């Protein structure tokens, strides 16, 4: 009967997005782009940003009008100082240019503390990936965040690679 042993219980770190997560297209009216977001996550609108949340994870999509494309230098010199003043315990900023299906984008990786949980007051150390997509005067900033050590590499890649200009 050794062949009938129970499979070990899977233990995922807090904030781990399941591999079987389904995704649905999100296309804000008049935005000129579409992106896949996790199905069933709560959505809130904050100005020009849509924020999708589930437990300890967030997907933030914001549109910005700008006359020039973001560069590694512009993100390093403008965005990093802004975020360091807004994100508690901001650290580890790394700015690079990467390729996604929509083309080259500027990627900013960093860490920071989450806002305290409104019920428990607990703060979580989060990892962030912020992608800056640009086309013809329109920038879309995609920020993915979740607990440090959560295995969200594949889900974040699915989301960032799904971005497409219309």
Protein backbone atom coordinates (compact mmCIF):
# COMPACT_ATOMS: atom_id res chain seq x y z
CA UNK A 1 0.00 0.00 0.00
CA UNK A 2 3.03 2.31 -0.09
CA UNK A 3 1.91 3.54 -3.52
CA UNK A 4 -1.28 5.01 -2.05
CA UNK A 5 0.42 7.46 0.28
CA UNK A 6 -1.26 10.84 0.46
CA UNK A 7 0.38 13.67 -1.41
CA UNK A 8 2.07 16.21 0.85
CA UNK A 9 0.00 19.28 1.67
CA UNK A 10 1.05 22.24 -0.42
CA UNK A 11 2.27 25.16 1.65
CA UNK A 12 2.26 28.48 -0.16
CA UNK A 13 3.76 31.64 1.34
CA UNK A 14 1.31 34.42 2.24
CA UNK A 15 0.29 36.38 -0.85
CA UNK A 16 1.08 33.62 -3.32
CA UNK A 17 -1.26 33.97 -6.32
CA UNK A 18 -2.48 30.46 -7.27
CA UNK A 19 -1.18 28.99 -10.52
CA UNK A 20 -4.78 28.29 -11.60
CA UNK A 21 -5.84 31.95 -11.26
CA UNK A 22 -8.10 32.99 -14.16
CA UNK A 23 -7.63 36.36 -15.89
CA UNK A 24 -10.12 38.64 -17.63
CA UNK A 25 -9.54 41.56 -20.00
CA UNK A 26 -9.77 45.09 -18.58
CA UNK A 27 -10.16 48.00 -20.98
CA UNK A 28 -11.00 51.40 -19.54
CA UNK A 29 -13.32 53.44 -21.77
CA UNK A 30 -11.33 55.56 -24.24
CA UNK A 31 -7.98 54.34 -22.93
CA UNK A 32 -6.63 52.74 -26.10
CA UNK A 33 -5.27 49.68 -24.30
CA UNK A 34 -6.31 46.39 -22.76
CA UNK A 35 -4.71 44.29 -20.04
CA UNK A 36 -5.63 41.04 -18.32
CA UNK A 37 -6.34 41.25 -14.58
CA UNK A 38 -7.10 38.48 -12.10
CA UNK A 39 -10.75 37.42 -12.24
CA UNK A 40 -12.78 38.04 -9.10
CA UNK A 41 -10.48 40.61 -7.51
CA UNK A 42 -12.10 43.73 -6.03
CA UNK A 43 -11.79 46.84 -8.21
CA UNK A 44 -11.69 50.42 -7.01
CA UNK A 45 -11.23 53.57 -9.06
CA UNK A 46 -8.90 56.28 -7.73
CA UNK A 47 -8.76 59.18 -10.18
CA UNK A 48 -7.05 57.91 -13.33
CA UNK A 49 -6.05 54.66 -11.61
CA UNK A 50 -7.91 51.37 -11.33
CA UNK A 51 -6.78 49.18 -8.45
CA UNK A 52 -7.52 45.46 -8.28
CA UNK A 53 -6.96 43.77 -4.89
CA UNK A 54 -7.24 40.35 -3.33
CA UNK A 55 -5.94 39.61 0.14
CA UNK A 56 -2.32 40.80 0.14
CA UNK A 57 -1.90 41.50 -3.61
CA UNK A 58 -2.58 44.56 -5.75
CA UNK A 59 -2.62 45.40 -9.44
CA UNK A 60 -2.71 49.15 -10.14
CA UNK A 61 -3.23 50.49 -13.67
CA UNK A 62 -2.92 54.25 -14.17
CA UNK A 63 -3.01 56.35 -17.34
CA UNK A 64 -1.01 59.55 -17.67
CA UNK A 65 -0.70 62.07 -20.50
CA UNK A 66 2.92 62.97 -21.16
CA UNK A 67 4.88 64.38 -24.06
CA UNK A 68 7.86 62.04 -23.80
CA UNK A 69 8.45 58.37 -23.24
CA UNK A 70 9.77 57.28 -19.86
CA UNK A 71 13.44 56.31 -19.77
CA UNK A 72 15.62 54.60 -17.21
CA UNK A 73 17.04 58.06 -16.36
CA UNK A 74 13.65 59.80 -16.06
CA UNK A 75 12.23 57.07 -13.83
CA UNK A 76 15.40 57.07 -11.71
CA UNK A 77 15.43 60.88 -11.37
CA UNK A 78 11.69 61.58 -11.00
CA UNK A 79 9.69 58.49 -10.02
CA UNK A 80 12.12 56.97 -7.51
CA UNK A 81 12.32 60.16 -5.38
CA UNK A 82 8.50 60.51 -5.48
CA UNK A 83 7.95 56.94 -4.35
CA UNK A 84 10.63 57.15 -1.66
CA UNK A 85 8.53 59.91 -0.08
CA UNK A 86 5.23 57.99 -0.44
CA UNK A 87 6.05 54.33 0.26
CA UNK A 88 6.94 53.52 3.88
CA UNK A 89 10.46 52.04 4.19
CA UNK A 90 11.04 52.32 0.41
CA UNK A 91 14.24 50.50 -0.59
CA UNK A 92 16.15 48.58 -3.24
CA UNK A 93 15.14 50.60 -6.31
CA UNK A 94 16.34 48.99 -9.54
CA UNK A 95 15.41 50.62 -12.86
CA UNK A 96 15.92 48.78 -16.16
CA UNK A 97 14.47 48.58 -19.64
CA UNK A 98 12.80 45.24 -20.39
CA UNK A 99 10.84 43.73 -23.25
CA UNK A 100 7.19 42.77 -22.97
CA UNK A 101 4.78 41.69 -25.73
CA UNK A 102 3.78 45.36 -26.18
CA UNK A 103 7.42 46.33 -26.76
CA UNK A 104 10.18 47.87 -24.63
CA UNK A 105 9.11 49.23 -21.24
CA UNK A 106 10.84 50.75 -18.23
CA UNK A 107 10.65 48.51 -15.16
CA UNK A 108 11.17 49.77 -11.62
CA UNK A 109 11.54 47.11 -8.91
CA UNK A 110 11.54 48.07 -5.24
CA UNK A 111 10.33 47.08 -1.79
CA UNK A 112 8.27 48.88 0.83
CA UNK A 113 5.87 48.36 3.70
CA UNK A 114 2.16 47.91 3.06
CA UNK A 115 -0.45 50.12 4.65
CA UNK A 116 -1.53 48.72 8.01
CA UNK A 117 -4.41 46.24 7.81
CA UNK A 118 -7.53 48.17 8.91
CA UNK A 119 -8.61 45.35 11.24
CA UNK A 120 -5.38 43.86 12.61
CA UNK A 121 -2.96 46.76 12.08
CA UNK A 122 -0.47 44.27 10.63
CA UNK A 123 2.09 45.62 8.12
CA UNK A 124 3.54 43.38 5.39
CA UNK A 125 6.83 43.87 3.54
CA UNK A 126 5.89 44.11 -0.13
CA UNK A 127 7.77 43.64 -3.40
CA UNK A 128 6.77 45.99 -6.24
CA UNK A 129 7.19 45.90 -10.01
CA UNK A 130 6.19 49.09 -11.84
CA UNK A 131 6.06 48.96 -15.64
CA UNK A 132 5.86 52.18 -17.68
CA UNK A 133 4.29 51.56 -21.12
CA UNK A 134 4.28 54.49 -23.60
CA UNK A 135 2.77 55.31 -26.98
CA UNK A 136 2.00 58.62 -28.72
CA UNK A 137 1.72 60.85 -25.65
CA UNK A 138 0.05 58.22 -23.46
CA UNK A 139 1.77 56.45 -20.59
CA UNK A 140 0.26 53.55 -18.70
CA UNK A 141 1.87 52.68 -15.39
CA UNK A 142 1.24 49.12 -14.23
CA UNK A 143 2.24 48.46 -10.61
CA UNK A 144 2.12 44.92 -9.25
CA UNK A 145 2.64 44.34 -5.55
CA UNK A 146 2.53 41.50 -3.05
CA UNK A 147 4.43 40.17 -0.07
CA UNK A 148 8.18 39.64 -0.40
CA UNK A 149 8.87 35.91 -0.90
CA UNK A 150 5.45 35.21 -2.44
CA UNK A 151 5.89 33.25 -5.67
CA UNK A 152 4.17 35.67 -8.05
CA UNK A 153 6.69 35.61 -10.89
CA UNK A 154 4.38 33.76 -13.31
CA UNK A 155 1.16 35.70 -12.52
CA UNK A 156 2.99 39.03 -12.77
CA UNK A 157 4.49 37.96 -16.10
CA UNK A 158 1.02 36.97 -17.39
CA UNK A 159 -0.37 40.38 -16.45
CA UNK A 160 2.54 42.49 -17.73
CA UNK A 161 2.78 40.50 -20.99
CA UNK A 162 -0.97 40.82 -21.59
CA UNK A 163 -0.80 44.60 -21.95
CA UNK A 164 -1.64 45.62 -25.52
CA UNK A 165 -2.29 48.94 -27.23
CA UNK A 166 -5.53 49.02 -29.25
